[in-house]
Structures are given as structure tokens and as C-alpha cells.
Amino acid sequence: MFGIGELTLLLLVIVAVLAVKRLPDLMRSAGKAARILKSEKRALKDEDGAGEPHRPSPRVIRGETAERDA
């Protein structure tokens, strides 16, 4: 019979033969995902002001005055 090594090698060959048809599509999808992730990261960085901590804008209510914090 076959040992574990031979069965593993056979399984890898079968997976490789079947995956050859889908490999270009998988790589294309991975590239698109990487580009989207990179653009979202860049947009988030630009939105926050290039690394400065995000401070929420002050809440303004008409007709009231508030002391300014130091």
C-alpha cells in the first residue's frame, strides 16, 4: 500500500492539476483585494491628517455658550 508521504504527494498533484484552471482567476482576485485594501488604508490615513490622532469636532448647540478647555 501507500504510505503517508506518497498519499500526500498524490493529493498535491491532484490539487495542482485541478487548480491550474482556476489559478489565474484566484491571483486576479487576490490582486484586486490587495489594491482595495491599500486604497482604503491610504484614504483612512489621509482622512486622519497623516497620522495625527483623530479628535472629534466640538458639539455646537445654538443659544448656549461653553467655556473652552485648555
C-alpha atoms as a PDB file:
ATOM      1  CA  MET A   1       0.000   0.000   0.000  1.00  0.00           C
ATOM      2  CA  PHE A   2       0.885   3.652   0.025  1.00  0.00           C
ATOM      3  CA  GLY A   3       2.490   5.482   2.897  1.00  0.00           C
ATOM      4  CA  ILE A   4       1.606   8.931   4.198  1.00  0.00           C
ATOM      5  CA  GLY A   5       4.256  10.607   2.031  1.00  0.00           C
ATOM      6  CA  GLU A   6       3.015   9.005  -1.185  1.00  0.00           C
ATOM      7  CA  LEU A   7      -0.615   9.868  -0.409  1.00  0.00           C
ATOM      8  CA  THR A   8       0.329  13.461   0.360  1.00  0.00           C
ATOM      9  CA  LEU A   9       2.284  13.755  -2.883  1.00  0.00           C
ATOM     10  CA  LEU A  10      -0.605  12.257  -4.862  1.00  0.00           C
ATOM     11  CA  LEU A  11      -3.062  14.659  -3.235  1.00  0.00           C
ATOM     12  CA  LEU A  12      -0.820  17.640  -4.010  1.00  0.00           C
ATOM     13  CA  VAL A  13      -0.530  16.601  -7.668  1.00  0.00           C
ATOM     14  CA  ILE A  14      -4.307  16.216  -7.981  1.00  0.00           C
ATOM     15  CA  VAL A  15      -4.921  19.605  -6.361  1.00  0.00           C
ATOM     16  CA  ALA A  16      -2.294  21.241  -8.601  1.00  0.00           C
ATOM     17  CA  VAL A  17      -3.825  19.764 -11.779  1.00  0.00           C
ATOM     18  CA  LEU A  18      -7.320  20.860 -10.814  1.00  0.00           C
ATOM     19  CA  ALA A  19      -6.187  24.296  -9.593  1.00  0.00           C
ATOM     20  CA  VAL A  20      -4.309  25.177 -12.806  1.00  0.00           C
ATOM     21  CA  LYS A  21      -7.603  26.171 -14.442  1.00  0.00           C
ATOM     22  CA  ARG A  22      -8.604  28.463 -11.585  1.00  0.00           C
ATOM     23  CA  LEU A  23      -5.183  29.822 -10.616  1.00  0.00           C
ATOM     24  CA  PRO A  24      -5.273  32.941 -12.864  1.00  0.00           C
ATOM     25  CA  ASP A  25      -8.687  33.908 -11.502  1.00  0.00           C
ATOM     26  CA  LEU A  26      -7.540  33.378  -7.930  1.00  0.00           C
ATOM     27  CA  MET A  27      -4.437  35.518  -8.472  1.00  0.00           C
ATOM     28  CA  ARG A  28      -6.517  38.245 -10.140  1.00  0.00           C
ATOM     29  CA  SER A  29      -8.922  38.278  -7.191  1.00  0.00           C
ATOM     30  CA  ALA A  30      -6.042  38.426  -4.715  1.00  0.00           C
ATOM     31  CA  GLY A  31      -4.551  41.388  -6.616  1.00  0.00           C
ATOM     32  CA  LYS A  32      -7.866  43.251  -6.584  1.00  0.00           C
ATOM     33  CA  ALA A  33      -8.258  42.626  -2.861  1.00  0.00           C
ATOM     34  CA  ALA A  34      -4.743  43.913  -2.197  1.00  0.00           C
ATOM     35  CA  ARG A  35      -5.379  47.076  -4.237  1.00  0.00           C
ATOM     36  CA  ILE A  36      -8.662  47.740  -2.417  1.00  0.00           C
ATOM     37  CA  LEU A  37      -7.009  47.241   0.958  1.00  0.00           C
ATOM     38  CA  LYS A  38      -4.165  49.573   0.019  1.00  0.00           C
ATOM     39  CA  SER A  39      -6.532  52.310  -1.222  1.00  0.00           C
ATOM     40  CA  GLU A  40      -8.703  52.058   1.905  1.00  0.00           C
ATOM     41  CA  LYS A  41      -5.602  52.331   4.093  1.00  0.00           C
ATOM     42  CA  ARG A  42      -4.438  55.394   2.147  1.00  0.00           C
ATOM     43  CA  ALA A  43      -7.896  57.023   2.406  1.00  0.00           C
ATOM     44  CA  LEU A  44      -8.033  56.404   6.152  1.00  0.00           C
ATOM     45  CA  LYS A  45      -4.559  57.886   6.577  1.00  0.00           C
ATOM     46  CA  ASP A  46      -5.491  60.986   4.528  1.00  0.00           C
ATOM     47  CA  GLU A  47      -8.719  61.409   6.483  1.00  0.00           C
ATOM     48  CA  ASP A  48      -6.962  61.380   9.844  1.00  0.00           C
ATOM     49  CA  GLY A  49      -4.438  64.007   8.823  1.00  0.00           C
ATOM     50  CA  ALA A  50      -1.349  61.916   8.164  1.00  0.00           C
ATOM     51  CA  GLY A  51      -1.009  60.146  11.448  1.00  0.00           C
ATOM     52  CA  GLU A  52      -2.361  62.751  13.869  1.00  0.00           C
ATOM     53  CA  PRO A  53      -4.764  61.357  16.437  1.00  0.00           C
ATOM     54  CA  HIS A  54      -8.398  61.783  15.479  1.00  0.00           C
ATOM     55  CA  ARG A  55     -10.193  64.394  17.570  1.00  0.00           C
ATOM     56  CA  PRO A  56     -13.950  64.725  17.187  1.00  0.00           C
ATOM     57  CA  SER A  57     -15.217  68.166  16.292  1.00  0.00           C
ATOM     58  CA  PRO A  58     -16.816  70.102  19.156  1.00  0.00           C
ATOM     59  CA  ARG A  59     -20.544  69.833  19.611  1.00  0.00           C
ATOM     60  CA  VAL A  60     -22.287  73.131  18.923  1.00  0.00           C
ATOM     61  CA  ILE A  61     -25.727  73.906  20.342  1.00  0.00           C
ATOM     62  CA  ARG A  62     -27.299  77.204  19.343  1.00  0.00           C
ATOM     63  CA  GLY A  63     -28.088  79.585  22.153  1.00  0.00           C
ATOM     64  CA  GLU A  64     -25.598  78.162  24.640  1.00  0.00           C
ATOM     65  CA  THR A  65     -22.082  79.202  25.464  1.00  0.00           C
ATOM     66  CA  ALA A  66     -19.423  76.974  26.879  1.00  0.00           C
ATOM     67  CA  GLU A  67     -16.016  77.551  28.370  1.00  0.00           C
ATOM     68  CA  ARG A  68     -13.149  76.497  26.171  1.00  0.00           C
ATOM     69  CA  ASP A  69     -10.939  73.698  27.521  1.00  0.00           C
ATOM     70  CA  ALA A  70      -7.231  74.412  27.792  1.00  0.00           C
END
